[in-house]
Amino acid sequence: MLHPEVAARVLAGGCRVYRCATCSAWVDAAGAMAHQDALPEHKTQDFSAPAA
């Protein structure tokens, strides 16, 4: 499930989104950095979400 802010960016024209392979959280770039800083054992993967 995407956070509302990330979903809004994707719907507005695309952005890079990140999914944590450990807990399945979806976040934007800043969220991914904060997520890995807080939980270093979690691994995130990035995906390009193109403009609609």
PDB file of N, CA and C in Angstrom:
ATOM      1  N   MET A   1       0.840  -1.173   0.000  1.00  0.00           N
ATOM      2  CA  MET A   1       0.000   0.000   0.000  1.00  0.00           C
ATOM      3  C   MET A   1       0.890   1.243   0.000  1.00  0.00           C
ATOM      4  N   LEU A   2       0.600   2.173  -0.897  1.00  0.00           N
ATOM      5  CA  LEU A   2       1.359   3.416  -0.983  1.00  0.00           C
ATOM      6  C   LEU A   2       0.858   4.427   0.040  1.00  0.00           C
ATOM      7  N   HIS A   3       1.789   5.197   0.581  1.00  0.00           N
ATOM      8  CA  HIS A   3       1.388   6.314   1.421  1.00  0.00           C
ATOM      9  C   HIS A   3       0.668   7.319   0.532  1.00  0.00           C
ATOM     10  N   PRO A   4      -0.298   8.058   1.056  1.00  0.00           N
ATOM     11  CA  PRO A   4      -1.057   9.009   0.220  1.00  0.00           C
ATOM     12  C   PRO A   4      -0.185  10.012  -0.520  1.00  0.00           C
ATOM     13  N   GLU A   5       0.893  10.505   0.119  1.00  0.00           N
ATOM     14  CA  GLU A   5       1.765  11.478  -0.539  1.00  0.00           C
ATOM     15  C   GLU A   5       2.473  10.856  -1.743  1.00  0.00           C
ATOM     16  N   VAL A   6       2.903   9.620  -1.610  1.00  0.00           N
ATOM     17  CA  VAL A   6       3.593   8.936  -2.707  1.00  0.00           C
ATOM     18  C   VAL A   6       2.606   8.659  -3.830  1.00  0.00           C
ATOM     19  N   ALA A   7       1.423   8.187  -3.489  1.00  0.00           N
ATOM     20  CA  ALA A   7       0.398   7.921  -4.498  1.00  0.00           C
ATOM     21  C   ALA A   7       0.062   9.198  -5.263  1.00  0.00           C
ATOM     22  N   ALA A   8      -0.032  10.317  -4.576  1.00  0.00           N
ATOM     23  CA  ALA A   8      -0.345  11.591  -5.231  1.00  0.00           C
ATOM     24  C   ALA A   8       0.743  11.976  -6.219  1.00  0.00           C
ATOM     25  N   ARG A   9       2.007  11.764  -5.865  1.00  0.00           N
ATOM     26  CA  ARG A   9       3.105  12.076  -6.787  1.00  0.00           C
ATOM     27  C   ARG A   9       3.073  11.181  -8.014  1.00  0.00           C
ATOM     28  N   VAL A  10       2.813   9.909  -7.806  1.00  0.00           N
ATOM     29  CA  VAL A  10       2.744   8.967  -8.930  1.00  0.00           C
ATOM     30  C   VAL A  10       1.609   9.370  -9.865  1.00  0.00           C
ATOM     31  N   LEU A  11       0.447   9.663  -9.301  1.00  0.00           N
ATOM     32  CA  LEU A  11      -0.703  10.045 -10.113  1.00  0.00           C
ATOM     33  C   LEU A  11      -0.504  11.393 -10.793  1.00  0.00           C
ATOM     34  N   ALA A  12       0.280  12.280 -10.199  1.00  0.00           N
ATOM     35  CA  ALA A  12       0.498  13.610 -10.757  1.00  0.00           C
ATOM     36  C   ALA A  12       1.474  13.613 -11.925  1.00  0.00           C
ATOM     37  N   GLY A  13       2.213  12.562 -12.112  1.00  0.00           N
ATOM     38  CA  GLY A  13       3.135  12.583 -13.246  1.00  0.00           C
ATOM     39  C   GLY A  13       4.314  11.656 -13.120  1.00  0.00           C
ATOM     40  N   GLY A  14       4.275  10.786 -12.175  1.00  0.00           N
ATOM     41  CA  GLY A  14       5.334   9.798 -12.063  1.00  0.00           C
ATOM     42  C   GLY A  14       6.464  10.218 -11.142  1.00  0.00           C
ATOM     43  N   CYS A  15       7.091   9.274 -10.536  1.00  0.00           N
ATOM     44  CA  CYS A  15       8.254   9.490  -9.692  1.00  0.00           C
ATOM     45  C   CYS A  15       8.869   8.118  -9.435  1.00  0.00           C
ATOM     46  N   ARG A  16      10.015   8.120  -8.803  1.00  0.00           N
ATOM     47  CA  ARG A  16      10.629   6.857  -8.434  1.00  0.00           C
ATOM     48  C   ARG A  16      10.063   6.449  -7.091  1.00  0.00           C
ATOM     49  N   VAL A  17       9.599   5.211  -6.998  1.00  0.00           N
ATOM     50  CA  VAL A  17       9.059   4.701  -5.746  1.00  0.00           C
ATOM     51  C   VAL A  17       9.910   3.524  -5.288  1.00  0.00           C
ATOM     52  N   TYR A  18       9.896   3.283  -4.019  1.00  0.00           N
ATOM     53  CA  TYR A  18      10.710   2.243  -3.415  1.00  0.00           C
ATOM     54  C   TYR A  18       9.826   1.306  -2.620  1.00  0.00           C
ATOM     55  N   ARG A  19      10.117   0.014  -2.731  1.00  0.00           N
ATOM     56  CA  ARG A  19       9.385  -0.993  -1.973  1.00  0.00           C
ATOM     57  C   ARG A  19      10.372  -1.738  -1.097  1.00  0.00           C
ATOM     58  N   CYS A  20      10.035  -1.871   0.170  1.00  0.00           N
ATOM     59  CA  CYS A  20      10.880  -2.629   1.081  1.00  0.00           C
ATOM     60  C   CYS A  20      10.605  -4.110   0.866  1.00  0.00           C
ATOM     61  N   ALA A  21      11.642  -4.848   0.515  1.00  0.00           N
ATOM     62  CA  ALA A  21      11.494  -6.283   0.288  1.00  0.00           C
ATOM     63  C   ALA A  21      11.282  -7.034   1.601  1.00  0.00           C
ATOM     64  N   THR A  22      11.577  -6.404   2.718  1.00  0.00           N
ATOM     65  CA  THR A  22      11.435  -7.041   4.014  1.00  0.00           C
ATOM     66  C   THR A  22      10.021  -6.912   4.574  1.00  0.00           C
ATOM     67  N   CYS A  23       9.469  -5.686   4.530  1.00  0.00           N
ATOM     68  CA  CYS A  23       8.147  -5.475   5.147  1.00  0.00           C
ATOM     69  C   CYS A  23       7.075  -5.023   4.153  1.00  0.00           C
ATOM     70  N   SER A  24       7.417  -4.893   2.882  1.00  0.00           N
ATOM     71  CA  SER A  24       6.493  -4.539   1.797  1.00  0.00           C
ATOM     72  C   SER A  24       5.981  -3.103   1.841  1.00  0.00           C
ATOM     73  N   ALA A  25       6.635  -2.219   2.582  1.00  0.00           N
ATOM     74  CA  ALA A  25       6.233  -0.813   2.599  1.00  0.00           C
ATOM     75  C   ALA A  25       6.616  -0.156   1.280  1.00  0.00           C
ATOM     76  N   TRP A  26       5.762   0.754   0.784  1.00  0.00           N
ATOM     77  CA  TRP A  26       6.041   1.557  -0.405  1.00  0.00           C
ATOM     78  C   TRP A  26       6.294   2.984   0.041  1.00  0.00           C
ATOM     79  N   VAL A  27       7.417   3.576  -0.388  1.00  0.00           N
ATOM     80  CA  VAL A  27       7.764   4.936   0.015  1.00  0.00           C
ATOM     81  C   VAL A  27       8.437   5.663  -1.142  1.00  0.00           C
ATOM     82  N   ASP A  28       8.577   6.988  -1.006  1.00  0.00           N
ATOM     83  CA  ASP A  28       9.320   7.759  -1.990  1.00  0.00           C
ATOM     84  C   ASP A  28      10.799   7.724  -1.609  1.00  0.00           C
ATOM     85  N   ALA A  29      11.636   8.444  -2.340  1.00  0.00           N
ATOM     86  CA  ALA A  29      13.078   8.394  -2.106  1.00  0.00           C
ATOM     87  C   ALA A  29      13.459   8.809  -0.691  1.00  0.00           C
ATOM     88  N   ALA A  30      12.893   9.920  -0.214  1.00  0.00           N
ATOM     89  CA  ALA A  30      13.206  10.377   1.143  1.00  0.00           C
ATOM     90  C   ALA A  30      12.734   9.356   2.166  1.00  0.00           C
ATOM     91  N   GLY A  31      11.562   8.784   1.937  1.00  0.00           N
ATOM     92  CA  GLY A  31      11.038   7.765   2.836  1.00  0.00           C
ATOM     93  C   GLY A  31      11.895   6.513   2.848  1.00  0.00           C
ATOM     94  N   ALA A  32      12.444   6.156   1.687  1.00  0.00           N
ATOM     95  CA  ALA A  32      13.297   4.976   1.606  1.00  0.00           C
ATOM     96  C   ALA A  32      14.575   5.165   2.417  1.00  0.00           C
ATOM     97  N   MET A  33      15.159   6.362   2.327  1.00  0.00           N
ATOM     98  CA  MET A  33      16.372   6.636   3.110  1.00  0.00           C
ATOM     99  C   MET A  33      16.068   6.595   4.599  1.00  0.00           C
ATOM    100  N   ALA A  34      14.974   7.210   5.004  1.00  0.00           N
ATOM    101  CA  ALA A  34      14.596   7.207   6.424  1.00  0.00           C
ATOM    102  C   ALA A  34      14.282   5.790   6.894  1.00  0.00           C
ATOM    103  N   HIS A  35      13.622   5.014   6.038  1.00  0.00           N
ATOM    104  CA  HIS A  35      13.255   3.637   6.383  1.00  0.00           C
ATOM    105  C   HIS A  35      14.509   2.801   6.620  1.00  0.00           C
ATOM    106  N   GLN A  36      15.492   2.921   5.720  1.00  0.00           N
ATOM    107  CA  GLN A  36      16.709   2.127   5.884  1.00  0.00           C
ATOM    108  C   GLN A  36      17.584   2.640   7.018  1.00  0.00           C
ATOM    109  N   ASP A  37      17.524   3.939   7.298  1.00  0.00           N
ATOM    110  CA  ASP A  37      18.263   4.463   8.453  1.00  0.00           C
ATOM    111  C   ASP A  37      17.678   3.910   9.749  1.00  0.00           C
ATOM    112  N   ALA A  38      16.351   3.851   9.822  1.00  0.00           N
ATOM    113  CA  ALA A  38      15.681   3.370  11.029  1.00  0.00           C
ATOM    114  C   ALA A  38      15.757   1.855  11.167  1.00  0.00           C
ATOM    115  N   LEU A  39      15.732   1.156  10.029  1.00  0.00           N
ATOM    116  CA  LEU A  39      15.715  -0.311  10.017  1.00  0.00           C
ATOM    117  C   LEU A  39      16.762  -0.827   9.032  1.00  0.00           C
ATOM    118  N   PRO A  40      18.052  -0.789   9.413  1.00  0.00           N
ATOM    119  CA  PRO A  40      19.120  -1.134   8.471  1.00  0.00           C
ATOM    120  C   PRO A  40      19.065  -2.567   7.933  1.00  0.00           C
ATOM    121  N   GLU A  41      18.353  -3.448   8.609  1.00  0.00           N
ATOM    122  CA  GLU A  41      18.250  -4.823   8.113  1.00  0.00           C
ATOM    123  C   GLU A  41      17.234  -4.951   6.978  1.00  0.00           C
ATOM    124  N   HIS A  42      16.438  -3.904   6.752  1.00  0.00           N
ATOM    125  CA  HIS A  42      15.457  -3.920   5.673  1.00  0.00           C
ATOM    126  C   HIS A  42      16.111  -3.519   4.359  1.00  0.00           C
ATOM    127  N   LYS A  43      15.702  -4.131   3.275  1.00  0.00           N
ATOM    128  CA  LYS A  43      16.256  -3.863   1.949  1.00  0.00           C
ATOM    129  C   LYS A  43      15.170  -3.281   1.059  1.00  0.00           C
ATOM    130  N   THR A  44      15.464  -2.136   0.427  1.00  0.00           N
ATOM    131  CA  THR A  44      14.484  -1.529  -0.466  1.00  0.00           C
ATOM    132  C   THR A  44      14.916  -1.691  -1.916  1.00  0.00           C
ATOM    133  N   GLN A  45      13.933  -1.758  -2.810  1.00  0.00           N
ATOM    134  CA  GLN A  45      14.157  -1.843  -4.245  1.00  0.00           C
ATOM    135  C   GLN A  45      13.436  -0.663  -4.864  1.00  0.00           C
ATOM    136  N   ASP A  46      14.048  -0.071  -5.894  1.00  0.00           N
ATOM    137  CA  ASP A  46      13.392   1.078  -6.524  1.00  0.00           C
ATOM    138  C   ASP A  46      12.731   0.671  -7.827  1.00  0.00           C
ATOM    139  N   PHE A  47      11.657   1.379  -8.127  1.00  0.00           N
ATOM    140  CA  PHE A  47      10.882   1.168  -9.345  1.00  0.00           C
ATOM    141  C   PHE A  47      10.539   2.528  -9.917  1.00  0.00           C
ATOM    142  N   SER A  48      10.565   2.635 -11.215  1.00  0.00           N
ATOM    143  CA  SER A  48      10.159   3.874 -11.849  1.00  0.00           C
ATOM    144  C   SER A  48       8.662   3.817 -12.081  1.00  0.00           C
ATOM    145  N   ALA A  49       7.978   4.866 -11.658  1.00  0.00           N
ATOM    146  CA  ALA A  49       6.535   4.967 -11.874  1.00  0.00           C
ATOM    147  C   ALA A  49       6.329   6.051 -12.911  1.00  0.00           C
ATOM    148  N   PRO A  50       6.188   5.689 -14.187  1.00  0.00           N
ATOM    149  CA  PRO A  50       6.115   6.709 -15.245  1.00  0.00           C
ATOM    150  C   PRO A  50       4.829   7.527 -15.173  1.00  0.00           C
ATOM    151  N   ALA A  51       4.867   8.662 -15.827  1.00  0.00           N
ATOM    152  CA  ALA A  51       3.693   9.529 -15.895  1.00  0.00           C
ATOM    153  C   ALA A  51       2.567   8.788 -16.604  1.00  0.00           C
ATOM    154  N   ALA A  52       1.347   9.039 -16.150  1.00  0.00           N
ATOM    155  CA  ALA A  52       0.191   8.370 -16.730  1.00  0.00           C
ATOM    156  C   ALA A  52      -0.155   8.940 -18.081  1.00  0.00           C
TER     157      ALA A  52
END
